[in-house]
Amino acid sequence: MEFCRNLSKCSFCVHIILTLCFISINFKGSSSSTASVGKSPAISSVTPSLTDSNTTSANTNVTTTTAPVKSTTRDFSYLDHCPDNAPCENLGASCITCKLNYYCVYGKTETVDCTVKQNITCLGSRVFKRPYYCRYGYQLDADKIFCDTALASKCLMKQAPPETFIAHCMVKEEFLCLGNRTFYKKFPCNWTSGFKWSTALALSITLGGFGVDRFYIGLWRSGIGKLFSFGGLGVWTIVDVVLIAVGYVGPHDDSLYIYPWN
């Protein structure tokens, strides 16, 4: 019995000791948690510094970025076409600026105020009036425009319907017009290599029996046949006179004759 009592006392003491150890461990854990919570302001205090650093970097980038600057260079290529010390009112259309009225009556002659462009030296007043036709460039008469007809010799005329070609045209400097001064215009094939109709007809009448008329217009193969047949005993000569007179037999390159009335 005595042994059992001592054993129960010992177990009670062991229980008390274990309980105290458990409380002690929990107290230390709570202390470390409290210490961790106490340190959090330090972390938050660092965060603003990082934010400030990013903000400063962003502001630096914004400050160093420059917007593209628009070019203020002006085109003075017109100076190559504008003479110096000429009367201001005689300058060409590329040397002056005119405020044309696009609501004018078509075909009517109007008057407009014009000003000489910059960096041009001229005599007289730099502001003057000039008449102009109320038409666009492509509507002007042929004597008021210049067209590059280099492609005219590359088209065929003796076909149906007649072939056309497109030429690059521009309005002459002394005339004003509405809209663009350069444009494209379609023309019918109408070109010549320099053969005169009167010369071909005269050769056919006088020396046609020897084929000289056909040699002149470049038909040398048939000219040789006409030469050795003595103009087809005169029949071929008479036929060629009629065909050349009406323009049916023409130059070898299909170009047109130059007529005296042109």
C-alpha atoms as a PDB file:
ATOM      1  CA  MET A   1       0.000   0.000   0.000  1.00  0.00           C
ATOM      2  CA  GLU A   2       2.741   2.356   0.853  1.00  0.00           C
ATOM      3  CA  PHE A   3       4.336   1.637  -2.484  1.00  0.00           C
ATOM      4  CA  CYS A   4       1.146   2.493  -4.358  1.00  0.00           C
ATOM      5  CA  ARG A   5       0.827   5.819  -2.610  1.00  0.00           C
ATOM      6  CA  ASN A   6       4.378   6.777  -3.456  1.00  0.00           C
ATOM      7  CA  LEU A   7       3.767   5.766  -7.055  1.00  0.00           C
ATOM      8  CA  SER A   8       0.662   7.917  -7.364  1.00  0.00           C
ATOM      9  CA  LYS A   9       2.518  10.888  -5.887  1.00  0.00           C
ATOM     10  CA  CYS A  10       5.305  10.447  -8.398  1.00  0.00           C
ATOM     11  CA  SER A  11       2.860  10.255 -11.326  1.00  0.00           C
ATOM     12  CA  PHE A  12       1.173  13.420 -10.099  1.00  0.00           C
ATOM     13  CA  CYS A  13       4.509  15.200  -9.971  1.00  0.00           C
ATOM     14  CA  VAL A  14       5.413  13.995 -13.434  1.00  0.00           C
ATOM     15  CA  HIS A  15       2.076  15.286 -14.751  1.00  0.00           C
ATOM     16  CA  ILE A  16       2.709  18.692 -13.171  1.00  0.00           C
ATOM     17  CA  ILE A  17       6.206  18.853 -14.665  1.00  0.00           C
ATOM     18  CA  LEU A  18       4.944  17.941 -18.171  1.00  0.00           C
ATOM     19  CA  THR A  19       2.210  20.546 -17.925  1.00  0.00           C
ATOM     20  CA  LEU A  20       4.707  23.240 -16.975  1.00  0.00           C
ATOM     21  CA  CYS A  21       6.976  22.246 -19.881  1.00  0.00           C
ATOM     22  CA  PHE A  22       4.069  22.456 -22.331  1.00  0.00           C
ATOM     23  CA  ILE A  23       3.111  25.911 -21.042  1.00  0.00           C
ATOM     24  CA  SER A  24       6.714  27.045 -21.305  1.00  0.00           C
ATOM     25  CA  ILE A  25       6.983  25.884 -24.917  1.00  0.00           C
ATOM     26  CA  ASN A  26       3.746  27.630 -25.901  1.00  0.00           C
ATOM     27  CA  PHE A  27       4.928  30.830 -24.255  1.00  0.00           C
ATOM     28  CA  LYS A  28       8.154  30.819 -26.251  1.00  0.00           C
ATOM     29  CA  GLY A  29       6.232  30.235 -29.526  1.00  0.00           C
ATOM     30  CA  SER A  30       3.922  33.127 -28.833  1.00  0.00           C
ATOM     31  CA  SER A  31       6.907  35.345 -28.037  1.00  0.00           C
ATOM     32  CA  SER A  32       8.554  34.572 -31.364  1.00  0.00           C
ATOM     33  CA  SER A  33       5.300  35.288 -33.204  1.00  0.00           C
ATOM     34  CA  THR A  34       5.016  38.600 -31.428  1.00  0.00           C
ATOM     35  CA  ALA A  35       8.555  39.432 -32.380  1.00  0.00           C
ATOM     36  CA  SER A  36       7.790  38.628 -36.013  1.00  0.00           C
ATOM     37  CA  VAL A  37       4.757  40.850 -35.967  1.00  0.00           C
ATOM     38  CA  GLY A  38       6.810  43.592 -34.470  1.00  0.00           C
ATOM     39  CA  LYS A  39       9.286  43.404 -37.284  1.00  0.00           C
ATOM     40  CA  SER A  40       6.647  43.826 -40.052  1.00  0.00           C
ATOM     41  CA  PRO A  41       6.747  47.635 -39.952  1.00  0.00           C
ATOM     42  CA  ALA A  42      10.381  47.413 -41.006  1.00  0.00           C
ATOM     43  CA  ILE A  43       9.378  45.439 -44.056  1.00  0.00           C
ATOM     44  CA  SER A  44       6.599  47.867 -44.898  1.00  0.00           C
ATOM     45  CA  SER A  45       9.008  50.706 -44.417  1.00  0.00           C
ATOM     46  CA  VAL A  46      11.236  49.189 -47.090  1.00  0.00           C
ATOM     47  CA  THR A  47       8.365  48.778 -49.537  1.00  0.00           C
ATOM     48  CA  PRO A  48       7.749  52.495 -49.949  1.00  0.00           C
ATOM     49  CA  SER A  49      11.407  52.994 -50.689  1.00  0.00           C
ATOM     50  CA  LEU A  50      11.170  50.445 -53.503  1.00  0.00           C
ATOM     51  CA  THR A  51       8.034  52.132 -54.772  1.00  0.00           C
ATOM     52  CA  ASP A  52       9.739  55.485 -54.669  1.00  0.00           C
ATOM     53  CA  SER A  53      12.678  54.022 -56.569  1.00  0.00           C
ATOM     54  CA  ASN A  54      10.407  52.671 -59.331  1.00  0.00           C
ATOM     55  CA  THR A  55       8.569  55.956 -59.472  1.00  0.00           C
ATOM     56  CA  THR A  56      11.835  57.831 -59.775  1.00  0.00           C
ATOM     57  CA  SER A  57      12.990  55.497 -62.556  1.00  0.00           C
ATOM     58  CA  ALA A  58       9.707  55.938 -64.422  1.00  0.00           C
ATOM     59  CA  ASN A  59       9.913  59.679 -64.040  1.00  0.00           C
ATOM     60  CA  THR A  60      13.478  59.593 -65.323  1.00  0.00           C
ATOM     61  CA  ASN A  61      12.407  57.640 -68.397  1.00  0.00           C
ATOM     62  CA  VAL A  62       9.582  60.043 -69.095  1.00  0.00           C
ATOM     63  CA  THR A  63      11.894  62.992 -68.711  1.00  0.00           C
ATOM     64  CA  THR A  64      14.521  61.673 -71.110  1.00  0.00           C
ATOM     65  CA  THR A  65      11.988  60.697 -73.827  1.00  0.00           C
ATOM     66  CA  THR A  66      11.712  63.381 -76.498  1.00  0.00           C
ATOM     67  CA  ALA A  67       8.798  63.778 -78.913  1.00  0.00           C
ATOM     68  CA  PRO A  68       9.559  63.736 -82.659  1.00  0.00           C
ATOM     69  CA  VAL A  69      10.065  67.211 -84.032  1.00  0.00           C
ATOM     70  CA  LYS A  70       8.259  68.073 -87.245  1.00  0.00           C
ATOM     71  CA  SER A  71      10.510  69.080 -90.087  1.00  0.00           C
ATOM     72  CA  THR A  72      10.203  72.733 -90.989  1.00  0.00           C
ATOM     73  CA  THR A  73      12.217  72.406 -94.195  1.00  0.00           C
ATOM     74  CA  ARG A  74      10.437  74.019 -97.110  1.00  0.00           C
ATOM     75  CA  ASP A  75      10.609  73.020-100.747  1.00  0.00           C
ATOM     76  CA  PHE A  76      12.399  75.680-102.778  1.00  0.00           C
ATOM     77  CA  SER A  77      12.852  73.581-105.922  1.00  0.00           C
ATOM     78  CA  TYR A  78      10.808  76.146-107.854  1.00  0.00           C
ATOM     79  CA  LEU A  79      13.783  78.520-107.676  1.00  0.00           C
ATOM     80  CA  ASP A  80      15.440  76.556-110.495  1.00  0.00           C
ATOM     81  CA  HIS A  81      12.634  77.633-112.851  1.00  0.00           C
ATOM     82  CA  CYS A  82      12.287  81.238-111.712  1.00  0.00           C
ATOM     83  CA  PRO A  83      14.580  83.915-113.178  1.00  0.00           C
ATOM     84  CA  ASP A  84      16.006  86.712-111.036  1.00  0.00           C
ATOM     85  CA  ASN A  85      15.369  90.412-111.617  1.00  0.00           C
ATOM     86  CA  ALA A  86      12.514  89.747-114.025  1.00  0.00           C
ATOM     87  CA  PRO A  87       9.258  91.750-113.872  1.00  0.00           C
ATOM     88  CA  CYS A  88       7.097  90.249-111.144  1.00  0.00           C
ATOM     89  CA  GLU A  89       3.962  90.167-113.299  1.00  0.00           C
ATOM     90  CA  ASN A  90       5.806  88.147-115.979  1.00  0.00           C
ATOM     91  CA  LEU A  91       6.867  85.277-113.732  1.00  0.00           C
ATOM     92  CA  GLY A  92       5.603  81.783-114.493  1.00  0.00           C
ATOM     93  CA  ALA A  93       2.920  79.913-112.598  1.00  0.00           C
ATOM     94  CA  SER A  94       5.465  77.916-110.564  1.00  0.00           C
ATOM     95  CA  CYS A  95       6.968  81.154-109.200  1.00  0.00           C
ATOM     96  CA  ILE A  96       3.771  82.707-107.869  1.00  0.00           C
ATOM     97  CA  THR A  97       0.912  81.777-105.562  1.00  0.00           C
ATOM     98  CA  CYS A  98      -2.635  82.551-106.709  1.00  0.00           C
ATOM     99  CA  LYS A  99      -5.907  81.968-104.889  1.00  0.00           C
ATOM    100  CA  LEU A 100      -8.056  80.636-107.718  1.00  0.00           C
ATOM    101  CA  ASN A 101     -11.837  80.597-107.520  1.00  0.00           C
ATOM    102  CA  TYR A 102     -13.054  77.014-108.016  1.00  0.00           C
ATOM    103  CA  TYR A 103     -16.671  78.217-108.183  1.00  0.00           C
ATOM    104  CA  CYS A 104     -16.123  80.215-111.353  1.00  0.00           C
ATOM    105  CA  VAL A 105     -18.140  79.771-114.551  1.00  0.00           C
ATOM    106  CA  TYR A 106     -16.553  77.161-116.836  1.00  0.00           C
ATOM    107  CA  GLY A 107     -14.775  78.671-119.839  1.00  0.00           C
ATOM    108  CA  LYS A 108     -15.006  82.203-118.547  1.00  0.00           C
ATOM    109  CA  THR A 109     -11.919  84.383-118.091  1.00  0.00           C
ATOM    110  CA  GLU A 110     -11.425  85.383-114.458  1.00  0.00           C
ATOM    111  CA  THR A 111      -8.952  87.636-112.640  1.00  0.00           C
ATOM    112  CA  VAL A 112      -7.084  86.518-109.534  1.00  0.00           C
ATOM    113  CA  ASP A 113      -4.681  88.102-107.036  1.00  0.00           C
ATOM    114  CA  CYS A 114      -1.194  86.550-107.154  1.00  0.00           C
ATOM    115  CA  THR A 115       1.857  86.857-104.891  1.00  0.00           C
ATOM    116  CA  VAL A 116       5.485  86.112-105.706  1.00  0.00           C
ATOM    117  CA  LYS A 117       6.904  83.168-103.713  1.00  0.00           C
ATOM    118  CA  GLN A 118       9.692  83.538-101.158  1.00  0.00           C
ATOM    119  CA  ASN A 119      13.380  83.965-102.065  1.00  0.00           C
ATOM    120  CA  ILE A 120      12.565  85.199-105.578  1.00  0.00           C
ATOM    121  CA  THR A 121      13.963  88.559-106.615  1.00  0.00           C
ATOM    122  CA  CYS A 122      11.799  90.417-109.113  1.00  0.00           C
ATOM    123  CA  LEU A 123      11.114  93.936-110.314  1.00  0.00           C
ATOM    124  CA  GLY A 124       7.934  95.772-109.392  1.00  0.00           C
ATOM    125  CA  SER A 125       5.148  94.939-106.998  1.00  0.00           C
ATOM    126  CA  ARG A 126       5.147  91.410-105.580  1.00  0.00           C
ATOM    127  CA  VAL A 127       1.327  91.412-105.474  1.00  0.00           C
ATOM    128  CA  PHE A 128      -0.525  91.766-108.765  1.00  0.00           C
ATOM    129  CA  LYS A 129      -3.543  90.521-110.715  1.00  0.00           C
ATOM    130  CA  ARG A 130      -3.485  87.952-113.508  1.00  0.00           C
ATOM    131  CA  PRO A 131      -6.234  86.575-115.768  1.00  0.00           C
ATOM    132  CA  TYR A 132      -6.885  82.851-116.068  1.00  0.00           C
ATOM    133  CA  TYR A 133      -9.303  80.504-117.796  1.00  0.00           C
ATOM    134  CA  CYS A 134     -11.868  78.791-115.615  1.00  0.00           C
ATOM    135  CA  ARG A 135     -10.753  75.312-116.682  1.00  0.00           C
ATOM    136  CA  TYR A 136      -8.729  72.443-115.317  1.00  0.00           C
ATOM    137  CA  GLY A 137      -5.353  71.708-116.881  1.00  0.00           C
ATOM    138  CA  TYR A 138      -6.567  68.782-118.968  1.00  0.00           C
ATOM    139  CA  GLN A 139      -9.389  70.945-120.368  1.00  0.00           C
ATOM    140  CA  LEU A 140      -7.127  73.626-121.832  1.00  0.00           C
ATOM    141  CA  ASP A 141      -6.527  73.991-125.560  1.00  0.00           C
ATOM    142  CA  ALA A 142      -3.590  72.243-127.200  1.00  0.00           C
ATOM    143  CA  ASP A 143      -1.619  75.496-127.591  1.00  0.00           C
ATOM    144  CA  LYS A 144      -1.618  76.025-123.798  1.00  0.00           C
ATOM    145  CA  ILE A 145      -0.164  72.642-122.814  1.00  0.00           C
ATOM    146  CA  PHE A 146       2.947  70.623-123.641  1.00  0.00           C
ATOM    147  CA  CYS A 147       2.751  66.829-124.046  1.00  0.00           C
ATOM    148  CA  ASP A 148       5.509  64.256-124.397  1.00  0.00           C
ATOM    149  CA  THR A 149       4.600  62.335-127.557  1.00  0.00           C
ATOM    150  CA  ALA A 150       7.574  59.950-127.502  1.00  0.00           C
ATOM    151  CA  LEU A 151       5.195  56.977-127.355  1.00  0.00           C
ATOM    152  CA  ALA A 152       3.347  58.138-130.469  1.00  0.00           C
ATOM    153  CA  SER A 153       5.730  56.258-132.773  1.00  0.00           C
ATOM    154  CA  LYS A 154       5.074  52.952-130.981  1.00  0.00           C
ATOM    155  CA  CYS A 155       1.393  52.666-131.842  1.00  0.00           C
ATOM    156  CA  LEU A 156      -0.274  51.484-135.047  1.00  0.00           C
ATOM    157  CA  MET A 157      -2.631  53.731-136.981  1.00  0.00           C
ATOM    158  CA  LYS A 158      -3.859  51.500-139.790  1.00  0.00           C
ATOM    159  CA  GLN A 159      -6.251  49.402-137.768  1.00  0.00           C
ATOM    160  CA  ALA A 160      -9.853  49.530-136.669  1.00  0.00           C
ATOM    161  CA  PRO A 161     -10.678  50.967-134.241  1.00  0.00           C
ATOM    162  CA  PRO A 162      -7.777  53.427-134.408  1.00  0.00           C
ATOM    163  CA  GLU A 163      -5.185  52.891-131.667  1.00  0.00           C
ATOM    164  CA  THR A 164      -4.442  55.548-129.054  1.00  0.00           C
ATOM    165  CA  PHE A 165      -1.537  56.298-126.723  1.00  0.00           C
ATOM    166  CA  ILE A 166      -1.226  58.049-123.350  1.00  0.00           C
ATOM    167  CA  ALA A 167       1.099  61.059-123.056  1.00  0.00           C
ATOM    168  CA  HIS A 168       2.354  62.953-120.005  1.00  0.00           C
ATOM    169  CA  CYS A 169       1.311  66.599-120.279  1.00  0.00           C
ATOM    170  CA  MET A 170       1.842  69.834-118.354  1.00  0.00           C
ATOM    171  CA  VAL A 171       0.397  73.316-118.555  1.00  0.00           C
ATOM    172  CA  LYS A 172       2.747  75.960-119.940  1.00  0.00           C
ATOM    173  CA  GLU A 173       4.197  78.364-117.379  1.00  0.00           C
ATOM    174  CA  GLU A 174       2.462  81.465-118.733  1.00  0.00           C
ATOM    175  CA  PHE A 175      -1.043  80.040-118.154  1.00  0.00           C
ATOM    176  CA  LEU A 176      -2.978  79.458-114.949  1.00  0.00           C
ATOM    177  CA  CYS A 177      -5.497  76.667-114.469  1.00  0.00           C
ATOM    178  CA  LEU A 178      -7.553  74.902-111.841  1.00  0.00           C
ATOM    179  CA  GLY A 179      -6.271  71.701-110.210  1.00  0.00           C
ATOM    180  CA  ASN A 180      -3.040  69.924-111.065  1.00  0.00           C
ATOM    181  CA  ARG A 181      -0.751  71.362-113.703  1.00  0.00           C
ATOM    182  CA  THR A 182       0.565  67.926-114.736  1.00  0.00           C
ATOM    183  CA  PHE A 183      -1.682  65.146-116.000  1.00  0.00           C
ATOM    184  CA  TYR A 184      -2.002  62.280-118.480  1.00  0.00           C
ATOM    185  CA  LYS A 185      -3.985  62.606-121.685  1.00  0.00           C
ATOM    186  CA  LYS A 186      -5.014  60.136-124.378  1.00  0.00           C
ATOM    187  CA  PHE A 187      -4.244  60.920-128.018  1.00  0.00           C
ATOM    188  CA  PRO A 188      -5.006  59.076-131.251  1.00  0.00           C
ATOM    189  CA  CYS A 189      -2.063  57.626-133.132  1.00  0.00           C
ATOM    190  CA  ASN A 190      -1.021  60.421-135.463  1.00  0.00           C
ATOM    191  CA  TRP A 191       2.670  60.525-136.198  1.00  0.00           C
ATOM    192  CA  THR A 192       4.937  60.828-139.211  1.00  0.00           C
ATOM    193  CA  SER A 193       8.464  59.847-140.177  1.00  0.00           C
ATOM    194  CA  GLY A 194       8.896  62.876-142.417  1.00  0.00           C
ATOM    195  CA  PHE A 195       7.616  61.510-145.757  1.00  0.00           C
ATOM    196  CA  LYS A 196       5.838  64.189-147.771  1.00  0.00           C
ATOM    197  CA  TRP A 197       2.734  63.272-149.708  1.00  0.00           C
ATOM    198  CA  SER A 198       3.445  65.828-152.425  1.00  0.00           C
ATOM    199  CA  THR A 199       6.941  64.414-153.028  1.00  0.00           C
ATOM    200  CA  ALA A 200       5.688  60.826-153.240  1.00  0.00           C
ATOM    201  CA  LEU A 201       2.933  61.816-155.705  1.00  0.00           C
ATOM    202  CA  ALA A 202       5.349  63.803-157.884  1.00  0.00           C
ATOM    203  CA  LEU A 203       7.805  60.884-158.033  1.00  0.00           C
ATOM    204  CA  SER A 204       4.970  58.481-158.866  1.00  0.00           C
ATOM    205  CA  ILE A 205       3.847  60.614-161.807  1.00  0.00           C
ATOM    206  CA  THR A 206       7.310  61.338-163.246  1.00  0.00           C
ATOM    207  CA  LEU A 207       9.503  58.371-162.321  1.00  0.00           C
ATOM    208  CA  GLY A 208       6.915  55.820-161.253  1.00  0.00           C
ATOM    209  CA  GLY A 209       7.811  53.542-164.138  1.00  0.00           C
ATOM    210  CA  PHE A 210      11.205  52.946-162.502  1.00  0.00           C
ATOM    211  CA  GLY A 211       9.788  52.389-158.997  1.00  0.00           C
ATOM    212  CA  VAL A 212      11.334  55.565-157.564  1.00  0.00           C
ATOM    213  CA  ASP A 213       8.116  56.430-155.725  1.00  0.00           C
ATOM    214  CA  ARG A 214       8.165  53.135-153.827  1.00  0.00           C
ATOM    215  CA  PHE A 215      11.877  53.475-153.072  1.00  0.00           C
ATOM    216  CA  TYR A 216      11.134  56.908-151.587  1.00  0.00           C
ATOM    217  CA  ILE A 217       8.517  55.645-149.114  1.00  0.00           C
ATOM    218  CA  GLY A 218      10.646  52.662-148.110  1.00  0.00           C
ATOM    219  CA  LEU A 219       8.886  49.887-150.075  1.00  0.00           C
ATOM    220  CA  TRP A 220      12.128  48.804-151.759  1.00  0.00           C
ATOM    221  CA  ARG A 221      11.102  45.175-152.455  1.00  0.00           C
ATOM    222  CA  SER A 222       8.085  46.155-154.520  1.00  0.00           C
ATOM    223  CA  GLY A 223      10.182  49.001-155.955  1.00  0.00           C
ATOM    224  CA  ILE A 224      12.647  46.479-157.380  1.00  0.00           C
ATOM    225  CA  GLY A 225       9.785  44.525-158.944  1.00  0.00           C
ATOM    226  CA  LYS A 226       8.366  47.690-160.412  1.00  0.00           C
ATOM    227  CA  LEU A 227      11.787  48.678-161.780  1.00  0.00           C
ATOM    228  CA  PHE A 228      12.446  45.414-163.623  1.00  0.00           C
ATOM    229  CA  SER A 229       8.880  45.204-164.966  1.00  0.00           C
ATOM    230  CA  PHE A 230       9.039  48.784-166.257  1.00  0.00           C
ATOM    231  CA  GLY A 231       6.175  49.782-164.048  1.00  0.00           C
ATOM    232  CA  GLY A 232       4.164  46.726-164.947  1.00  0.00           C
ATOM    233  CA  LEU A 233       4.224  47.928-168.540  1.00  0.00           C
ATOM    234  CA  GLY A 234       2.648  51.161-167.405  1.00  0.00           C
ATOM    235  CA  VAL A 235      -0.333  49.610-165.622  1.00  0.00           C
ATOM    236  CA  TRP A 236       1.369  49.455-162.221  1.00  0.00           C
ATOM    237  CA  THR A 237       2.525  53.043-162.618  1.00  0.00           C
ATOM    238  CA  ILE A 238      -1.018  54.326-163.205  1.00  0.00           C
ATOM    239  CA  VAL A 239      -2.386  52.306-160.277  1.00  0.00           C
ATOM    240  CA  ASP A 240       0.302  53.649-157.912  1.00  0.00           C
ATOM    241  CA  VAL A 241      -0.445  57.238-158.907  1.00  0.00           C
ATOM    242  CA  VAL A 242      -4.068  56.741-157.858  1.00  0.00           C
ATOM    243  CA  LEU A 243      -3.213  54.840-154.645  1.00  0.00           C
ATOM    244  CA  ILE A 244      -0.642  57.404-153.506  1.00  0.00           C
ATOM    245  CA  ALA A 245      -2.971  60.278-154.389  1.00  0.00           C
ATOM    246  CA  VAL A 246      -5.721  58.921-152.102  1.00  0.00           C
ATOM    247  CA  GLY A 247      -3.208  57.940-149.373  1.00  0.00           C
ATOM    248  CA  TYR A 248      -3.826  54.209-149.611  1.00  0.00           C
ATOM    249  CA  VAL A 249      -0.141  53.447-150.279  1.00  0.00           C
ATOM    250  CA  GLY A 250       1.870  55.107-147.541  1.00  0.00           C
ATOM    251  CA  PRO A 251       5.283  54.909-145.823  1.00  0.00           C
ATOM    252  CA  HIS A 252       6.683  51.498-144.902  1.00  0.00           C
ATOM    253  CA  ASP A 253       6.495  52.137-141.124  1.00  0.00           C
ATOM    254  CA  ASP A 254       2.731  52.859-141.203  1.00  0.00           C
ATOM    255  CA  SER A 255       3.303  56.511-140.412  1.00  0.00           C
ATOM    256  CA  LEU A 256       1.342  59.339-141.980  1.00  0.00           C
ATOM    257  CA  TYR A 257       2.298  61.604-144.863  1.00  0.00           C
ATOM    258  CA  ILE A 258       3.048  65.251-144.261  1.00  0.00           C
ATOM    259  CA  TYR A 259       0.378  67.041-146.289  1.00  0.00           C
ATOM    260  CA  PRO A 260       0.846  70.585-147.627  1.00  0.00           C
ATOM    261  CA  TRP A 261      -2.280  71.815-145.843  1.00  0.00           C
ATOM    262  CA  ASN A 262      -1.178  70.591-142.403  1.00  0.00           C
END
